[in-house]
PDB file of all heavy atoms in Angstrom:
ATOM      1  N   ALA A   1       6.039 -16.359  -9.866  1.00  0.00           N
ATOM      2  CA  ALA A   1       4.834 -15.961 -10.568  1.00  0.00           C
ATOM      3  C   ALA A   1       3.807 -15.475  -9.573  1.00  0.00           C
ATOM      4  O   ALA A   1       3.181 -16.250  -8.921  1.00  0.00           O
ATOM      5  CB  ALA A   1       4.304 -17.161 -11.352  1.00  0.00           C
ATOM      6  N   PRO A   2       3.743 -14.186  -9.331  1.00  0.00           N
ATOM      7  CA  PRO A   2       2.730 -13.601  -8.372  1.00  0.00           C
ATOM      8  C   PRO A   2       1.293 -14.116  -8.606  1.00  0.00           C
ATOM      9  O   PRO A   2       0.880 -14.125  -9.832  1.00  0.00           O
ATOM     10  CB  PRO A   2       2.882 -12.095  -8.543  1.00  0.00           C
ATOM     11  CG  PRO A   2       4.234 -11.935  -9.072  1.00  0.00           C
ATOM     12  CD  PRO A   2       4.475 -13.115  -9.991  1.00  0.00           C
ATOM     13  N   VAL A   3       0.576 -14.329  -7.642  1.00  0.00           N
ATOM     14  CA  VAL A   3      -0.833 -14.816  -7.766  1.00  0.00           C
ATOM     15  C   VAL A   3      -1.773 -13.754  -7.143  1.00  0.00           C
ATOM     16  O   VAL A   3      -1.606 -13.420  -5.919  1.00  0.00           O
ATOM     17  CB  VAL A   3      -0.983 -16.151  -7.044  1.00  0.00           C
ATOM     18  CG1 VAL A   3      -2.475 -16.601  -7.105  1.00  0.00           C
ATOM     19  CG2 VAL A   3      -0.132 -17.235  -7.674  1.00  0.00           C
ATOM     20  N   SER A   4      -2.638 -13.313  -7.846  1.00  0.00           N
ATOM     21  CA  SER A   4      -3.630 -12.280  -7.375  1.00  0.00           C
ATOM     22  C   SER A   4      -4.514 -12.823  -6.241  1.00  0.00           C
ATOM     23  O   SER A   4      -5.038 -13.919  -6.363  1.00  0.00           O
ATOM     24  CB  SER A   4      -4.547 -11.730  -8.530  1.00  0.00           C
ATOM     25  OG  SER A   4      -5.427 -10.741  -8.018  1.00  0.00           O
ATOM     26  N   PRO A   5      -4.626 -12.135  -5.135  1.00  0.00           N
ATOM     27  CA  PRO A   5      -5.405 -12.660  -4.015  1.00  0.00           C
ATOM     28  C   PRO A   5      -6.854 -12.895  -4.373  1.00  0.00           C
ATOM     29  O   PRO A   5      -7.469 -12.078  -5.140  1.00  0.00           O
ATOM     30  CB  PRO A   5      -5.312 -11.495  -2.967  1.00  0.00           C
ATOM     31  CG  PRO A   5      -4.100 -10.754  -3.352  1.00  0.00           C
ATOM     32  CD  PRO A   5      -4.020 -10.759  -4.788  1.00  0.00           C
ATOM     33  N   GLU A   6      -7.445 -13.999  -3.847  1.00  0.00           N
ATOM     34  CA  GLU A   6      -8.863 -14.233  -4.104  1.00  0.00           C
ATOM     35  C   GLU A   6      -9.731 -13.254  -3.383  1.00  0.00           C
ATOM     36  O   GLU A   6     -10.756 -12.896  -3.971  1.00  0.00           O
ATOM     37  CB  GLU A   6      -9.138 -15.669  -3.586  1.00  0.00           C
ATOM     38  CG  GLU A   6      -8.485 -16.860  -4.401  1.00  0.00           C
ATOM     39  CD  GLU A   6      -8.889 -18.198  -3.842  1.00  0.00           C
ATOM     40  OE1 GLU A   6      -9.766 -18.228  -2.946  1.00  0.00           O
ATOM     41  OE2 GLU A   6      -8.375 -19.178  -4.369  1.00  0.00           O
ATOM     42  N   LYS A   7      -9.297 -12.850  -2.174  1.00  0.00           N
ATOM     43  CA  LYS A   7     -10.180 -11.795  -1.506  1.00  0.00           C
ATOM     44  C   LYS A   7      -9.564 -10.488  -1.612  1.00  0.00           C
ATOM     45  O   LYS A   7      -8.378 -10.133  -1.182  1.00  0.00           O
ATOM     46  CB  LYS A   7     -10.168 -12.223  -0.037  1.00  0.00           C
ATOM     47  CG  LYS A   7     -10.802 -13.517   0.263  1.00  0.00           C
ATOM     48  CD  LYS A   7     -10.921 -13.925   1.765  1.00  0.00           C
ATOM     49  CE  LYS A   7     -11.615 -15.273   1.974  1.00  0.00           C
ATOM     50  NZ  LYS A   7     -11.702 -15.631   3.388  1.00  0.00           N
ATOM     51  N   LYS A   8     -10.305  -9.546  -2.253  1.00  0.00           N
ATOM     52  CA  LYS A   8      -9.782  -8.171  -2.485  1.00  0.00           C
ATOM     53  C   LYS A   8     -10.120  -7.343  -1.261  1.00  0.00           C
ATOM     54  O   LYS A   8     -11.084  -7.512  -0.596  1.00  0.00           O
ATOM     55  CB  LYS A   8     -10.469  -7.629  -3.748  1.00  0.00           C
ATOM     56  CG  LYS A   8     -10.381  -8.501  -4.963  1.00  0.00           C
ATOM     57  CD  LYS A   8      -8.941  -8.719  -5.380  1.00  0.00           C
ATOM     58  CE  LYS A   8      -8.811  -9.601  -6.562  1.00  0.00           C
ATOM     59  NZ  LYS A   8      -7.427  -9.931  -6.959  1.00  0.00           N
ATOM     60  N   ALA A   9      -9.186  -6.393  -1.036  1.00  0.00           N
ATOM     61  CA  ALA A   9      -9.330  -5.425   0.024  1.00  0.00           C
ATOM     62  C   ALA A   9      -9.897  -4.076  -0.471  1.00  0.00           C
ATOM     63  O   ALA A   9      -9.645  -3.762  -1.586  1.00  0.00           O
ATOM     64  CB  ALA A   9      -8.016  -5.273   0.721  1.00  0.00           C
ATOM     65  N   ASP A  10     -10.641  -3.403   0.418  1.00  0.00           N
ATOM     66  CA  ASP A  10     -11.040  -2.103   0.037  1.00  0.00           C
ATOM     67  C   ASP A  10      -9.909  -1.162   0.001  1.00  0.00           C
ATOM     68  O   ASP A  10      -8.921  -1.373   0.652  1.00  0.00           O
ATOM     69  CB  ASP A  10     -12.149  -1.610   0.965  1.00  0.00           C
ATOM     70  CG  ASP A  10     -11.646  -1.406   2.373  1.00  0.00           C
ATOM     71  OD1 ASP A  10     -11.619  -2.367   3.124  1.00  0.00           O
ATOM     72  OD2 ASP A  10     -11.213  -0.298   2.702  1.00  0.00           O
ATOM     73  N   GLY A  11     -10.052  -0.134  -0.774  1.00  0.00           N
ATOM     74  CA  GLY A  11      -8.972   0.835  -0.944  1.00  0.00           C
ATOM     75  C   GLY A  11      -7.963   0.440  -2.101  1.00  0.00           C
ATOM     76  O   GLY A  11      -8.294  -0.345  -2.965  1.00  0.00           O
ATOM     77  N   ALA A  12      -6.761   0.977  -1.978  1.00  0.00           N
ATOM     78  CA  ALA A  12      -5.826   0.707  -3.007  1.00  0.00           C
ATOM     79  C   ALA A  12      -4.352   1.000  -2.568  1.00  0.00           C
ATOM     80  O   ALA A  12      -4.138   1.764  -1.573  1.00  0.00           O
ATOM     81  CB  ALA A  12      -6.113   1.624  -4.240  1.00  0.00           C
ATOM     82  N   PRO A  13      -3.335   0.471  -3.250  1.00  0.00           N
ATOM     83  CA  PRO A  13      -1.938   0.791  -2.890  1.00  0.00           C
ATOM     84  C   PRO A  13      -1.518   2.113  -3.458  1.00  0.00           C
ATOM     85  O   PRO A  13      -2.030   2.598  -4.480  1.00  0.00           O
ATOM     86  CB  PRO A  13      -1.193  -0.411  -3.468  1.00  0.00           C
ATOM     87  CG  PRO A  13      -2.001  -0.719  -4.732  1.00  0.00           C
ATOM     88  CD  PRO A  13      -3.437  -0.443  -4.343  1.00  0.00           C
ATOM     89  N   ARG A  14      -0.564   2.650  -2.817  1.00  0.00           N
ATOM     90  CA  ARG A  14       0.060   3.874  -3.342  1.00  0.00           C
ATOM     91  C   ARG A  14       1.529   3.962  -2.972  1.00  0.00           C
ATOM     92  O   ARG A  14       1.913   3.518  -1.905  1.00  0.00           O
ATOM     93  CB  ARG A  14      -0.707   5.174  -2.998  1.00  0.00           C
ATOM     94  CG  ARG A  14      -0.725   5.499  -1.524  1.00  0.00           C
ATOM     95  CD  ARG A  14      -1.451   6.802  -1.323  1.00  0.00           C
ATOM     96  NE  ARG A  14      -1.622   7.142   0.111  1.00  0.00           N
ATOM     97  CZ  ARG A  14      -0.626   7.737   0.795  1.00  0.00           C
ATOM     98  NH1 ARG A  14       0.483   8.011   0.217  1.00  0.00           N
ATOM     99  NH2 ARG A  14      -0.896   8.007   2.047  1.00  0.00           N
ATOM    100  N   ARG A  15       2.331   4.496  -3.798  1.00  0.00           N
ATOM    101  CA  ARG A  15       3.713   4.696  -3.499  1.00  0.00           C
ATOM    102  C   ARG A  15       3.973   5.803  -2.421  1.00  0.00           C
ATOM    103  O   ARG A  15       3.314   6.820  -2.597  1.00  0.00           O
ATOM    104  CB  ARG A  15       4.577   4.949  -4.810  1.00  0.00           C
ATOM    105  CG  ARG A  15       6.050   5.051  -4.610  1.00  0.00           C
ATOM    106  CD  ARG A  15       6.767   5.217  -5.871  1.00  0.00           C
ATOM    107  NE  ARG A  15       6.461   4.057  -6.781  1.00  0.00           N
ATOM    108  CZ  ARG A  15       7.070   3.908  -7.976  1.00  0.00           C
ATOM    109  NH1 ARG A  15       7.916   4.781  -8.379  1.00  0.00           N
ATOM    110  NH2 ARG A  15       6.760   2.896  -8.770  1.00  0.00           N
ATOM    111  N   CYS A  16       4.911   5.623  -1.533  1.00  0.00           N
ATOM    112  CA  CYS A  16       5.213   6.605  -0.546  1.00  0.00           C
ATOM    113  C   CYS A  16       5.835   7.770  -1.179  1.00  0.00           C
ATOM    114  O   CYS A  16       6.735   7.719  -2.036  1.00  0.00           O
ATOM    115  CB  CYS A  16       6.056   6.027   0.560  1.00  0.00           C
ATOM    116  SG  CYS A  16       5.334   4.920   1.674  1.00  0.00           S
ATOM    117  N   THR A  17       5.450   8.993  -0.701  1.00  0.00           N
ATOM    118  CA  THR A  17       6.089  10.234  -1.078  1.00  0.00           C
ATOM    119  C   THR A  17       6.564  10.865   0.200  1.00  0.00           C
ATOM    120  O   THR A  17       6.359  10.428   1.316  1.00  0.00           O
ATOM    121  CB  THR A  17       5.148  11.106  -1.815  1.00  0.00           C
ATOM    122  OG1 THR A  17       4.175  11.650  -0.945  1.00  0.00           O
ATOM    123  CG2 THR A  17       4.436  10.415  -3.005  1.00  0.00           C
ATOM    124  N   ILE A  18       7.258  12.022  -0.041  1.00  0.00           N
ATOM    125  CA  ILE A  18       7.848  12.785   1.162  1.00  0.00           C
ATOM    126  C   ILE A  18       6.715  13.218   2.015  1.00  0.00           C
ATOM    127  O   ILE A  18       6.927  13.415   3.291  1.00  0.00           O
ATOM    128  CB  ILE A  18       8.693  14.016   0.623  1.00  0.00           C
ATOM    129  CG1 ILE A  18       9.485  14.476   1.778  1.00  0.00           C
ATOM    130  CG2 ILE A  18       7.841  15.034  -0.009  1.00  0.00           C
ATOM    131  CD1 ILE A  18      10.515  13.546   2.384  1.00  0.00           C
ATOM    132  N   ASP A  19       5.506  13.374   1.535  1.00  0.00           N
ATOM    133  CA  ASP A  19       4.359  13.747   2.390  1.00  0.00           C
ATOM    134  C   ASP A  19       3.980  12.596   3.392  1.00  0.00           C
ATOM    135  O   ASP A  19       3.250  12.824   4.353  1.00  0.00           O
ATOM    136  CB  ASP A  19       3.160  14.069   1.555  1.00  0.00           C
ATOM    137  CG  ASP A  19       3.307  15.363   0.694  1.00  0.00           C
ATOM    138  OD1 ASP A  19       4.142  16.162   1.127  1.00  0.00           O
ATOM    139  OD2 ASP A  19       2.631  15.532  -0.316  1.00  0.00           O
ATOM    140  N   ASP A  20       4.457  11.422   3.144  1.00  0.00           N
ATOM    141  CA  ASP A  20       4.165  10.254   4.007  1.00  0.00           C
ATOM    142  C   ASP A  20       5.279   9.971   5.008  1.00  0.00           C
ATOM    143  O   ASP A  20       5.322   8.936   5.652  1.00  0.00           O
ATOM    144  CB  ASP A  20       3.993   9.002   3.161  1.00  0.00           C
ATOM    145  CG  ASP A  20       2.799   9.127   2.164  1.00  0.00           C
ATOM    146  OD1 ASP A  20       1.742   9.434   2.645  1.00  0.00           O
ATOM    147  OD2 ASP A  20       3.068   8.859   0.949  1.00  0.00           O
ATOM    148  N   LEU A  21       6.241  10.943   5.084  1.00  0.00           N
ATOM    149  CA  LEU A  21       7.442  10.674   6.008  1.00  0.00           C
ATOM    150  C   LEU A  21       7.038  10.222   7.296  1.00  0.00           C
ATOM    151  O   LEU A  21       7.502   9.126   7.778  1.00  0.00           O
ATOM    152  CB  LEU A  21       8.347  11.859   6.050  1.00  0.00           C
ATOM    153  CG  LEU A  21       9.504  11.769   6.926  1.00  0.00           C
ATOM    154  CD1 LEU A  21      10.432  10.637   6.488  1.00  0.00           C
ATOM    155  CD2 LEU A  21      10.371  13.083   6.954  1.00  0.00           C
ATOM    156  N   GLU A  22       6.285  10.963   8.021  1.00  0.00           N
ATOM    157  CA  GLU A  22       5.954  10.613   9.493  1.00  0.00           C
ATOM    158  C   GLU A  22       5.163   9.349   9.499  1.00  0.00           C
ATOM    159  O   GLU A  22       5.230   8.545  10.455  1.00  0.00           O
ATOM    160  CB  GLU A  22       5.262  11.748  10.141  1.00  0.00           C
ATOM    161  CG  GLU A  22       6.224  12.974  10.420  1.00  0.00           C
ATOM    162  CD  GLU A  22       7.470  12.607  11.137  1.00  0.00           C
ATOM    163  OE1 GLU A  22       7.449  11.845  12.083  1.00  0.00           O
ATOM    164  OE2 GLU A  22       8.588  13.058  10.623  1.00  0.00           O
ATOM    165  N   THR A  23       4.195   9.195   8.554  1.00  0.00           N
ATOM    166  CA  THR A  23       3.456   7.968   8.541  1.00  0.00           C
ATOM    167  C   THR A  23       4.339   6.756   8.353  1.00  0.00           C
ATOM    168  O   THR A  23       4.183   5.675   9.008  1.00  0.00           O
ATOM    169  CB  THR A  23       2.427   8.003   7.331  1.00  0.00           C
ATOM    170  OG1 THR A  23       1.554   9.074   7.570  1.00  0.00           O
ATOM    171  CG2 THR A  23       1.607   6.670   7.311  1.00  0.00           C
ATOM    172  N   LEU A  24       5.282   6.814   7.448  1.00  0.00           N
ATOM    173  CA  LEU A  24       6.220   5.712   7.161  1.00  0.00           C
ATOM    174  C   LEU A  24       7.109   5.465   8.416  1.00  0.00           C
ATOM    175  O   LEU A  24       7.367   4.226   8.760  1.00  0.00           O
ATOM    176  CB  LEU A  24       7.152   5.959   5.949  1.00  0.00           C
ATOM    177  CG  LEU A  24       8.063   4.860   5.533  1.00  0.00           C
ATOM    178  CD1 LEU A  24       7.211   3.573   5.276  1.00  0.00           C
ATOM    179  CD2 LEU A  24       8.862   5.236   4.314  1.00  0.00           C
ATOM    180  N   VAL A  25       7.589   6.555   9.082  1.00  0.00           N
ATOM    181  CA  VAL A  25       8.351   6.377  10.281  1.00  0.00           C
ATOM    182  C   VAL A  25       7.544   5.632  11.360  1.00  0.00           C
ATOM    183  O   VAL A  25       8.054   4.687  12.022  1.00  0.00           O
ATOM    184  CB  VAL A  25       8.786   7.757  10.854  1.00  0.00           C
ATOM    185  CG1 VAL A  25       9.485   7.564  12.249  1.00  0.00           C
ATOM    186  CG2 VAL A  25       9.787   8.406   9.949  1.00  0.00           C
ATOM    187  N   ASP A  26       6.285   5.866  11.480  1.00  0.00           N
ATOM    188  CA  ASP A  26       5.366   5.171  12.393  1.00  0.00           C
ATOM    189  C   ASP A  26       5.347   3.652  12.056  1.00  0.00           C
ATOM    190  O   ASP A  26       5.409   2.842  12.939  1.00  0.00           O
ATOM    191  CB  ASP A  26       3.951   5.756  12.410  1.00  0.00           C
ATOM    192  CG  ASP A  26       3.866   7.130  13.118  1.00  0.00           C
ATOM    193  OD1 ASP A  26       4.745   7.391  13.891  1.00  0.00           O
ATOM    194  OD2 ASP A  26       2.908   7.878  12.783  1.00  0.00           O
TER     195      ASP A  26
END
């Protein structure tokens, strides 16, 4: 049962796309 973090981070998640290739390699 995932528990939402008490402390929220700025920004947001996003799924990797092919445009993120070199970033993901890093």
